[in-house]
Amino acid sequence: MKPGSLPQFALSSSSLLVRGLLRHPRRITLGVGAILLGTGVTAFGIAPLAPDAADLPVRQVIEALNTAPLGAPLLTDVASPAASLTLFRSDQVRRDDTAQSLLQRLGVADSAALAFLRNDATARQLFNGRTGKLVTAETNDRHELQRLIARWLPDDGREFQRMVIEADPLGHKVRLETAELTPSVRLAGGVINSSLFAATDAIGLPDGVAVQLAEIFGSDIDFRRSLRQGDRFSVVYESLEADGETMRAGRVLSAEFVNNGRTHEAVWFEEPGHKGAYFGFDGQSARKTYLTSPLEFSRVSSGYGMRFHPISRKQKAHLGVDYAAPTGTPVRTIGDGVVTFAGRKGGYGNTIEITHRNNQSTLFAHLSRIDVKQGQKVEQGDRVGAVGSTGASTGPHLHFEFRDRGVHQDPLEIARQSENIPMSPTFRARFDAVAQLQRQHLDAAATVQQASAE
């Protein structure tokens, strides 16, 4: 080999390699990968020839690590305080609750808070009255009470009560507040497969809304015998909330019910200075002279006409309608009128009679209580008493009669045949604006119904 030929040979080889890479990059890459893979397999194969890890000496090394953020000064002598946690838990007050049982469910372990709930007169109101009060507790990481907030409805109005109990350096303090419920609009729709309540339960619609639907369309639809599979409904209603928590359903604002191919519609409208009522979207009143029932949606246990009397054990004409309902269920007047009798009347027990227009009258019997006086004026829907079992009665129910010029009539037929109460023309423009908005909401509710059905 000539002097200087080796470097030139290496250079030539390098040039050839570069040119080869440029001409055949894929082939060269695969070749290099194969070589590396072979090396890897060989390494894996000889790994067991190394000393067993179990035989190697073990040495424990403990070293303190600096966890301070980058750029932060090092704290060598001052201990960093632990982060404070706030825990939240919610529940409802139950019928048999005590201060101790409620706090246990809320995860509170605080003897001072327990003593406060037991001894403070205002705090004890948490366990009085209606059950189901919504309660939220805030505790620290030691489960000591920091704040407890309870909300509940004192009645069927549009206000709620809020109780706030807070920890204080000197113990605990409590305040009781009254605030307005906030209404929000909800849409829903459903299809009838068996009954109205089964359909509303299937979509999670509150019972109070289902009752209102039966009330609104009760004069046109017999919800006990006329419903058909495939009937459908859409409804727009209020949800009444307290601090963002739903407390109960409010009024139905508009509704549509298709029964056996026929569409029934209603929209709520309240004329200034007048009692609100439901109207069709054409402005025709859905409110009639008489309601279909003196109770909110309830089961008719005995209709008008001949029947086997449960006490006399004989066939006898039943000149009224019996409604099965628990004792204490509110009873209302089906139309405007004047109370002409309120007291005890033989087998009827506690009885109320009300005279309406055109020599028509109604009678309510077996009441557990009477809430009106003779001579008192009443308006349609006003509470007059409560269901009971006084007089000749085999159990809690309301016996209801309707007389036209002293002659008994079937109350259900009278209600269906009664006249609609017209709207004042003065408020027609305002009604049309309300109806237009509610029509848009109902169209959206129908979309919800279709989506849920699919």
Protein backbone atom coordinates (compact mmCIF):
# COMPACT_ATOMS: atom_id res chain seq x y z
CA MET A 1 0.00 0.00 0.00
CA LYS A 2 1.30 3.32 -0.97
CA PRO A 3 1.94 5.92 1.66
CA GLY A 4 -1.09 8.08 2.06
CA SER A 5 -3.40 5.59 0.41
CA LEU A 6 -5.21 4.55 3.68
CA PRO A 7 -6.65 7.96 4.47
CA GLN A 8 -7.72 8.36 0.87
CA PHE A 9 -9.42 4.93 1.03
CA ALA A 10 -11.28 5.90 4.20
CA LEU A 11 -12.35 9.14 2.61
CA SER A 12 -13.59 7.31 -0.45
CA SER A 13 -15.52 4.87 1.75
CA SER A 14 -17.12 7.74 3.61
CA SER A 15 -18.14 9.36 0.37
CA LEU A 16 -19.63 6.12 -0.86
CA LEU A 17 -21.56 5.74 2.41
CA VAL A 18 -22.98 9.25 2.18
CA ARG A 19 -23.98 8.74 -1.45
CA GLY A 20 -25.60 5.44 -0.49
CA LEU A 21 -27.62 7.07 2.29
CA LEU A 22 -28.81 9.72 -0.09
CA ARG A 23 -29.79 7.20 -2.76
CA HIS A 24 -31.31 4.46 -0.54
CA PRO A 25 -32.33 6.02 2.84
CA ARG A 26 -35.04 3.44 3.54
CA ARG A 27 -32.84 0.39 3.01
CA ILE A 28 -29.99 1.83 5.05
CA THR A 29 -32.35 2.73 7.94
CA LEU A 30 -33.80 -0.79 8.05
CA GLY A 31 -30.34 -2.25 8.08
CA VAL A 32 -29.20 -0.09 10.96
CA GLY A 33 -32.41 -0.96 12.87
CA ALA A 34 -31.74 -4.67 12.40
CA ILE A 35 -28.24 -4.31 13.76
CA LEU A 36 -29.46 -2.41 16.81
CA LEU A 37 -32.25 -4.93 17.42
CA GLY A 38 -29.78 -7.76 17.32
CA THR A 39 -27.65 -5.99 19.85
CA GLY A 40 -30.69 -5.47 22.09
CA VAL A 41 -31.66 -9.13 21.96
CA THR A 42 -28.14 -10.15 22.79
CA ALA A 43 -28.11 -7.83 25.76
CA PHE A 44 -31.41 -9.26 26.99
CA GLY A 45 -30.03 -12.75 26.62
CA ILE A 46 -26.95 -12.16 28.72
CA ALA A 47 -28.64 -10.16 31.46
CA PRO A 48 -29.24 -13.25 33.65
CA LEU A 49 -25.50 -13.90 33.71
CA ALA A 50 -25.03 -10.85 36.00
CA PRO A 51 -24.94 -11.36 39.82
CA ASP A 52 -28.37 -11.98 41.43
CA ALA A 53 -29.83 -8.69 42.79
CA ALA A 54 -30.83 -10.53 45.96
CA ASP A 55 -27.18 -11.16 46.75
CA LEU A 56 -26.09 -7.54 46.40
CA PRO A 57 -25.48 -5.47 49.57
CA VAL A 58 -28.37 -3.15 50.56
CA ARG A 59 -27.75 0.36 51.89
CA GLN A 60 -30.47 2.78 53.04
CA VAL A 61 -29.96 6.43 52.12
CA ILE A 62 -32.12 9.15 53.72
CA GLU A 63 -31.88 12.67 52.31
CA ALA A 64 -34.05 15.72 53.02
CA LEU A 65 -35.50 17.32 49.89
CA ASN A 66 -36.18 21.00 49.43
CA THR A 67 -39.83 21.42 48.27
CA ALA A 68 -39.80 25.23 48.06
CA PRO A 69 -40.80 26.73 44.70
CA LEU A 70 -38.01 27.80 42.38
CA GLY A 71 -36.74 31.23 43.28
CA ALA A 72 -38.38 31.15 46.72
CA PRO A 73 -36.20 31.68 49.79
CA LEU A 74 -35.35 28.55 51.73
CA LEU A 75 -37.10 28.18 55.10
CA THR A 76 -34.79 26.32 57.39
CA ASP A 77 -36.02 27.23 60.84
CA VAL A 78 -39.72 28.10 60.28
CA ALA A 79 -42.17 25.19 59.82
CA SER A 80 -44.72 25.61 57.01
CA PRO A 81 -48.31 25.49 58.35
CA ALA A 82 -50.63 22.75 57.00
CA ALA A 83 -53.28 23.79 54.49
CA SER A 84 -56.76 24.32 56.00
CA LEU A 85 -59.62 22.25 54.53
CA THR A 86 -63.35 23.03 54.46
CA LEU A 87 -65.70 20.07 54.15
CA PHE A 88 -69.30 20.33 52.92
CA ARG A 89 -72.16 17.89 53.46
CA SER A 90 -75.93 18.22 52.90
CA ASP A 91 -78.97 16.30 54.17
CA GLN A 92 -82.60 16.75 55.22
CA VAL A 93 -84.16 16.93 58.67
CA ARG A 94 -86.11 13.73 59.33
CA ARG A 95 -89.21 13.20 61.44
CA ASP A 96 -87.38 11.51 64.34
CA ASP A 97 -84.18 13.59 64.16
CA THR A 98 -82.36 14.96 67.19
CA ALA A 99 -79.48 17.40 67.22
CA GLN A 100 -77.07 14.51 67.68
CA SER A 101 -78.45 12.31 64.88
CA LEU A 102 -78.50 15.20 62.40
CA LEU A 103 -74.93 16.28 63.15
CA GLN A 104 -73.72 12.69 62.87
CA ARG A 105 -75.17 12.37 59.36
CA LEU A 106 -73.59 15.70 58.46
CA GLY A 107 -70.18 14.48 59.61
CA VAL A 108 -69.94 16.97 62.47
CA ALA A 109 -68.04 15.94 65.62
CA ASP A 110 -68.31 19.08 67.73
CA SER A 111 -69.61 18.98 71.32
CA ALA A 112 -69.98 22.77 71.47
CA ALA A 113 -72.13 22.83 68.32
CA LEU A 114 -74.22 19.94 69.66
CA ALA A 115 -74.87 21.78 72.94
CA PHE A 116 -75.81 24.93 71.02
CA LEU A 117 -78.37 23.11 68.86
CA ARG A 118 -79.89 21.54 71.96
CA ASN A 119 -80.10 24.65 74.12
CA ASP A 120 -80.63 27.67 71.86
CA ALA A 121 -84.34 28.45 71.39
CA THR A 122 -83.91 29.71 67.82
CA ALA A 123 -81.69 26.80 66.78
CA ARG A 124 -84.23 24.30 68.13
CA GLN A 125 -86.74 25.54 65.51
CA LEU A 126 -84.76 23.39 63.08
CA PHE A 127 -86.55 20.35 64.52
CA ASN A 128 -90.03 21.90 64.81
CA GLY A 129 -92.81 21.97 62.25
CA ARG A 130 -92.42 20.40 58.83
CA THR A 131 -89.78 17.77 58.15
CA GLY A 132 -87.63 17.79 55.03
CA LYS A 133 -85.74 21.00 55.81
CA LEU A 134 -82.64 21.24 53.60
CA VAL A 135 -79.46 21.51 55.70
CA THR A 136 -75.85 22.11 54.63
CA ALA A 137 -72.93 21.93 57.08
CA GLU A 138 -69.42 23.31 56.63
CA THR A 139 -66.69 21.83 58.85
CA ASN A 140 -62.92 22.06 59.11
CA ASP A 141 -60.63 19.04 58.76
CA ARG A 142 -61.18 18.27 62.46
CA HIS A 143 -64.96 18.00 61.72
CA GLU A 144 -65.73 21.06 63.86
CA LEU A 145 -68.76 23.04 62.71
CA GLN A 146 -67.94 26.30 60.96
CA ARG A 147 -71.35 27.09 59.45
CA LEU A 148 -74.75 25.39 59.18
CA ILE A 149 -77.43 26.70 56.81
CA ALA A 150 -81.00 25.37 56.78
CA ARG A 151 -83.79 26.33 54.38
CA TRP A 152 -87.49 25.42 54.49
CA LEU A 153 -90.98 26.54 53.49
CA PRO A 154 -93.15 27.74 56.39
CA ASP A 155 -96.32 27.46 54.30
CA ASP A 156 -97.49 27.23 50.69
CA GLY A 157 -96.60 30.86 49.96
CA ARG A 158 -93.70 32.26 47.97
CA GLU A 159 -91.31 32.88 50.87
CA PHE A 160 -88.82 30.63 52.61
CA GLN A 161 -87.00 30.67 55.92
CA ARG A 162 -83.22 30.53 56.21
CA MET A 163 -81.43 29.66 59.44
CA VAL A 164 -77.69 30.34 59.63
CA ILE A 165 -75.56 29.05 62.52
CA GLU A 166 -71.91 30.13 62.56
CA ALA A 167 -68.92 29.43 64.77
CA ASP A 168 -67.75 32.42 66.78
CA PRO A 169 -64.66 32.99 68.97
CA LEU A 170 -67.09 33.17 71.91
CA GLY A 171 -69.14 30.11 70.86
CA HIS A 172 -71.85 30.01 68.20
CA LYS A 173 -74.39 32.51 66.93
CA VAL A 174 -77.63 32.02 64.99
CA ARG A 175 -79.88 34.20 62.86
CA LEU A 176 -83.25 33.45 61.26
CA GLU A 177 -84.17 35.18 58.00
CA THR A 178 -87.17 35.30 55.64
CA ALA A 179 -86.56 35.67 51.93
CA GLU A 180 -88.47 35.48 48.64
CA LEU A 181 -88.40 32.31 46.60
CA THR A 182 -86.89 32.81 43.15
CA PRO A 183 -89.00 31.43 40.27
CA SER A 184 -87.40 29.84 37.24
CA VAL A 185 -89.15 28.38 34.20
CA ARG A 186 -89.06 24.61 33.55
CA LEU A 187 -90.22 22.71 30.46
CA ALA A 188 -91.41 19.11 30.32
CA GLY A 189 -93.33 16.73 28.10
CA GLY A 190 -94.58 13.16 28.35
CA VAL A 191 -96.64 10.40 26.79
CA ILE A 192 -99.48 8.47 28.46
CA ASN A 193 -99.02 4.70 28.66
CA SER A 194 -101.35 3.93 31.57
CA SER A 195 -102.20 6.96 33.74
CA LEU A 196 -101.34 10.62 34.15
CA PHE A 197 -99.32 10.12 37.32
CA ALA A 198 -97.40 7.17 35.85
CA ALA A 199 -96.42 9.37 32.89
CA THR A 200 -95.37 12.31 35.06
CA ASP A 201 -93.39 10.02 37.39
CA ALA A 202 -91.56 8.58 34.37
CA ILE A 203 -90.19 12.01 33.43
CA GLY A 204 -89.63 13.22 37.00
CA LEU A 205 -92.37 15.84 36.91
CA PRO A 206 -93.43 16.96 40.43
CA ASP A 207 -96.80 15.67 41.68
CA GLY A 208 -97.94 19.26 42.22
CA VAL A 209 -97.64 19.91 38.48
CA ALA A 210 -99.54 16.71 37.63
CA VAL A 211 -102.35 17.77 39.98
CA GLN A 212 -102.55 21.14 38.26
CA LEU A 213 -102.74 19.51 34.83
CA ALA A 214 -105.70 17.45 36.02
CA GLU A 215 -107.30 20.61 37.42
CA ILE A 216 -106.76 22.69 34.28
CA PHE A 217 -108.15 20.14 31.83
CA GLY A 218 -110.53 18.32 34.19
CA SER A 219 -113.60 20.00 32.68
CA ASP A 220 -112.74 18.63 29.22
CA ILE A 221 -110.93 15.35 29.98
CA ASP A 222 -112.04 12.59 32.30
CA PHE A 223 -108.64 11.56 33.65
CA ARG A 224 -110.09 8.39 35.17
CA ARG A 225 -111.80 6.95 32.09
CA SER A 226 -110.93 8.95 28.96
CA LEU A 227 -107.14 8.70 28.73
CA ARG A 228 -105.76 6.71 25.78
CA GLN A 229 -102.36 5.13 25.31
CA GLY A 230 -100.32 7.53 23.22
CA ASP A 231 -102.01 10.68 24.57
CA ARG A 232 -99.32 13.31 25.14
CA PHE A 233 -98.78 16.54 27.01
CA SER A 234 -96.37 19.46 27.19
CA VAL A 235 -96.13 21.80 30.16
CA VAL A 236 -94.32 24.98 31.20
CA TYR A 237 -94.18 25.57 34.94
CA GLU A 238 -92.41 27.50 37.68
CA SER A 239 -89.73 25.99 39.87
CA LEU A 240 -89.43 27.91 43.15
CA GLU A 241 -85.87 28.05 44.46
CA ALA A 242 -84.11 29.19 47.62
CA ASP A 243 -80.46 30.18 47.12
CA GLY A 244 -80.36 27.96 44.02
CA GLU A 245 -81.98 24.97 45.80
CA THR A 246 -85.30 23.78 44.36
CA MET A 247 -87.91 23.90 47.12
CA ARG A 248 -91.14 23.07 45.27
CA ALA A 249 -92.97 23.43 41.98
CA GLY A 250 -94.93 26.60 41.43
CA ARG A 251 -97.77 27.41 39.08
CA VAL A 252 -98.30 25.86 35.65
CA LEU A 253 -97.80 28.74 33.21
CA SER A 254 -99.03 26.99 30.08
CA ALA A 255 -99.92 23.47 29.00
CA GLU A 256 -101.09 21.41 26.05
CA PHE A 257 -102.80 18.02 26.30
CA VAL A 258 -103.66 15.85 23.31
CA ASN A 259 -106.39 13.38 24.30
CA ASN A 260 -107.75 10.91 21.75
CA GLY A 261 -106.55 13.15 18.90
CA ARG A 262 -108.09 16.34 20.30
CA THR A 263 -105.81 19.16 21.48
CA HIS A 264 -106.56 21.10 24.66
CA GLU A 265 -104.52 24.19 25.54
CA ALA A 266 -104.27 26.61 28.45
CA VAL A 267 -102.19 29.63 29.41
CA TRP A 268 -102.18 31.38 32.78
CA PHE A 269 -103.13 35.06 32.74
CA GLU A 270 -103.75 37.39 35.64
CA GLU A 271 -105.56 40.63 34.98
CA PRO A 272 -104.44 43.51 37.21
CA GLY A 273 -106.70 43.67 40.25
CA HIS A 274 -108.44 40.42 39.32
CA LYS A 275 -108.00 36.77 40.17
CA GLY A 276 -105.78 34.91 37.70
CA ALA A 277 -107.22 32.17 35.49
CA TYR A 278 -106.41 29.89 32.57
CA PHE A 279 -107.39 30.79 29.01
CA GLY A 280 -107.06 29.17 25.62
CA PHE A 281 -104.54 30.73 23.24
CA ASP A 282 -107.50 32.18 21.36
CA GLY A 283 -108.43 34.20 24.46
CA GLN A 284 -111.38 31.99 25.43
CA SER A 285 -111.46 31.35 29.16
CA ALA A 286 -110.66 27.84 30.37
CA ARG A 287 -112.10 28.78 33.76
CA LYS A 288 -115.69 27.68 34.24
CA THR A 289 -118.36 28.67 36.73
CA TYR A 290 -117.68 25.49 38.73
CA LEU A 291 -114.59 23.39 39.37
CA THR A 292 -114.88 19.69 38.57
CA SER A 293 -113.99 18.66 42.14
CA PRO A 294 -113.96 20.11 45.68
CA LEU A 295 -110.60 18.33 46.22
CA GLU A 296 -107.40 18.45 44.28
CA PHE A 297 -107.08 15.40 42.03
CA SER A 298 -108.55 12.56 44.08
CA ARG A 299 -110.18 9.16 43.60
CA VAL A 300 -113.99 9.00 43.34
CA SER A 301 -114.90 6.14 45.67
CA SER A 302 -118.64 6.28 45.02
CA GLY A 303 -120.32 8.05 42.11
CA TYR A 304 -123.75 9.60 41.64
CA GLY A 305 -126.74 7.20 41.26
CA MET A 306 -127.91 3.87 42.68
CA ARG A 307 -125.48 1.94 44.86
CA PHE A 308 -125.28 -0.64 47.67
CA HIS A 309 -125.23 1.45 50.86
CA PRO A 310 -122.39 0.32 53.17
CA ILE A 311 -124.34 1.09 56.39
CA SER A 312 -128.00 0.26 55.57
CA ARG A 313 -126.82 -2.72 53.47
CA LYS A 314 -129.49 -1.97 50.85
CA GLN A 315 -129.62 -0.59 47.33
CA LYS A 316 -130.16 3.12 47.68
CA ALA A 317 -129.86 6.24 45.52
CA HIS A 318 -126.58 8.04 46.15
CA LEU A 319 -127.39 11.70 45.59
CA GLY A 320 -123.84 12.92 45.63
CA VAL A 321 -120.22 11.93 44.97
CA ASP A 322 -117.81 10.47 47.53
CA TYR A 323 -114.10 11.26 47.32
CA ALA A 324 -111.66 8.98 49.15
CA ALA A 325 -108.95 11.06 50.83
CA PRO A 326 -106.96 11.10 54.09
CA THR A 327 -108.28 12.99 57.10
CA GLY A 328 -107.17 16.63 56.96
CA THR A 329 -107.11 16.91 53.15
CA PRO A 330 -108.21 20.48 52.28
CA VAL A 331 -111.75 20.92 50.90
CA ARG A 332 -112.52 23.90 48.66
CA THR A 333 -115.61 25.51 47.22
CA ILE A 334 -116.17 24.80 43.52
CA GLY A 335 -117.67 28.22 42.85
CA ASP A 336 -118.32 31.71 44.21
CA GLY A 337 -121.11 31.91 46.79
CA VAL A 338 -122.25 32.49 50.38
CA VAL A 339 -122.07 30.01 53.27
CA THR A 340 -125.64 29.28 54.36
CA PHE A 341 -124.87 26.53 56.87
CA ALA A 342 -121.76 25.52 58.84
CA GLY A 343 -122.17 23.03 61.67
CA ARG A 344 -123.32 19.55 62.67
CA LYS A 345 -126.14 17.90 60.68
CA GLY A 346 -127.23 14.35 61.67
CA GLY A 347 -125.64 11.56 59.65
CA TYR A 348 -123.76 14.09 57.58
CA GLY A 349 -121.63 14.98 60.59
CA ASN A 350 -119.77 18.27 60.23
CA THR A 351 -121.42 19.92 57.23
CA ILE A 352 -121.11 23.06 55.09
CA GLU A 353 -123.70 24.35 52.62
CA ILE A 354 -122.96 27.09 50.12
CA THR A 355 -125.49 28.90 47.94
CA HIS A 356 -124.36 29.94 44.45
CA ARG A 357 -126.02 31.92 41.70
CA ASN A 358 -129.29 30.88 40.03
CA ASN A 359 -130.58 29.05 43.14
CA GLN A 360 -127.83 26.44 42.96
CA SER A 361 -126.11 25.08 46.08
CA THR A 362 -123.42 22.64 47.20
CA LEU A 363 -123.07 20.51 50.35
CA PHE A 364 -119.89 19.11 51.99
CA ALA A 365 -120.30 16.37 54.64
CA HIS A 366 -118.29 14.22 57.13
CA LEU A 367 -115.71 17.01 57.59
CA SER A 368 -113.04 16.81 60.28
CA ARG A 369 -113.06 20.61 60.59
CA ILE A 370 -115.00 23.64 59.36
CA ASP A 371 -113.03 26.74 58.34
CA VAL A 372 -115.88 29.12 57.40
CA LYS A 373 -118.83 30.75 59.15
CA GLN A 374 -122.45 31.14 58.20
CA GLY A 375 -122.97 34.26 56.08
CA GLN A 376 -119.34 34.34 54.87
CA LYS A 377 -118.67 35.06 51.17
CA VAL A 378 -116.34 32.61 49.41
CA GLU A 379 -114.67 32.55 46.00
CA GLN A 380 -114.00 29.59 43.75
CA GLY A 381 -111.07 27.56 45.12
CA ASP A 382 -111.24 28.96 48.68
CA ARG A 383 -110.61 26.42 51.46
CA VAL A 384 -113.76 25.79 53.51
CA GLY A 385 -112.84 22.74 55.60
CA ALA A 386 -111.00 19.41 55.72
CA VAL A 387 -111.83 15.77 54.97
CA GLY A 388 -112.90 13.64 57.93
CA SER A 389 -115.16 10.79 59.02
CA THR A 390 -117.80 12.44 61.23
CA GLY A 391 -121.45 11.36 61.23
CA ALA A 392 -122.56 8.11 59.54
CA SER A 393 -119.27 7.34 57.87
CA THR A 394 -117.24 4.13 57.48
CA GLY A 395 -113.94 5.93 56.94
CA PRO A 396 -112.29 9.22 55.93
CA HIS A 397 -113.89 10.67 52.79
CA LEU A 398 -115.78 13.70 51.52
CA HIS A 399 -119.46 13.42 50.59
CA PHE A 400 -120.31 16.16 48.09
CA GLU A 401 -123.72 17.16 46.72
CA PHE A 402 -124.96 19.64 44.12
CA ARG A 403 -128.54 20.94 44.00
CA ASP A 404 -130.20 22.99 41.27
CA ARG A 405 -133.32 24.71 42.70
CA GLY A 406 -133.41 22.06 45.40
CA VAL A 407 -133.12 19.09 43.01
CA HIS A 408 -130.04 16.87 43.26
CA GLN A 409 -127.79 16.76 40.19
CA ASP A 410 -124.60 14.87 39.27
CA PRO A 411 -121.84 17.32 40.33
CA LEU A 412 -119.42 16.04 37.68
CA GLU A 413 -121.89 16.68 34.85
CA ILE A 414 -122.80 20.11 36.20
CA ALA A 415 -119.15 21.14 36.24
CA ARG A 416 -118.58 20.00 32.65
CA GLN A 417 -121.68 21.84 31.43
CA SER A 418 -120.99 25.07 33.31
CA GLU A 419 -120.22 28.25 31.40
CA ASN A 420 -116.78 29.65 30.73
CA ILE A 421 -115.95 32.93 32.45
CA PRO A 422 -114.98 35.46 29.71
CA MET A 423 -111.93 37.70 29.63
CA SER A 424 -112.30 41.45 29.83
CA PRO A 425 -111.58 42.99 26.37
CA THR A 426 -109.56 45.71 28.10
CA PHE A 427 -106.66 43.32 28.72
CA ARG A 428 -106.70 41.44 25.39
CA ALA A 429 -103.52 43.08 24.04
CA ARG A 430 -101.60 42.26 27.21
CA PHE A 431 -102.92 38.70 27.10
CA ASP A 432 -101.81 38.26 23.48
CA ALA A 433 -98.24 39.21 24.44
CA VAL A 434 -98.23 36.68 27.29
CA ALA A 435 -99.76 34.01 25.05
CA GLN A 436 -97.15 34.54 22.33
CA LEU A 437 -94.29 34.01 24.80
CA GLN A 438 -95.92 30.92 26.29
CA ARG A 439 -96.51 29.48 22.82
CA GLN A 440 -92.75 29.63 22.20
CA HIS A 441 -92.10 27.90 25.53
CA LEU A 442 -94.66 25.18 24.77
CA ASP A 443 -93.10 24.53 21.36
CA ALA A 444 -89.77 24.04 23.13
CA ALA A 445 -91.44 21.73 25.67
CA ALA A 446 -92.82 19.63 22.82
CA THR A 447 -89.24 19.22 21.55
CA VAL A 448 -88.22 17.99 25.02
CA GLN A 449 -91.13 15.53 24.91
CA GLN A 450 -90.06 14.17 21.54
CA ALA A 451 -86.44 13.82 22.63
CA SER A 452 -87.40 11.95 25.81
CA ALA A 453 -89.71 9.62 23.84
CA GLU A 454 -86.89 8.74 21.44
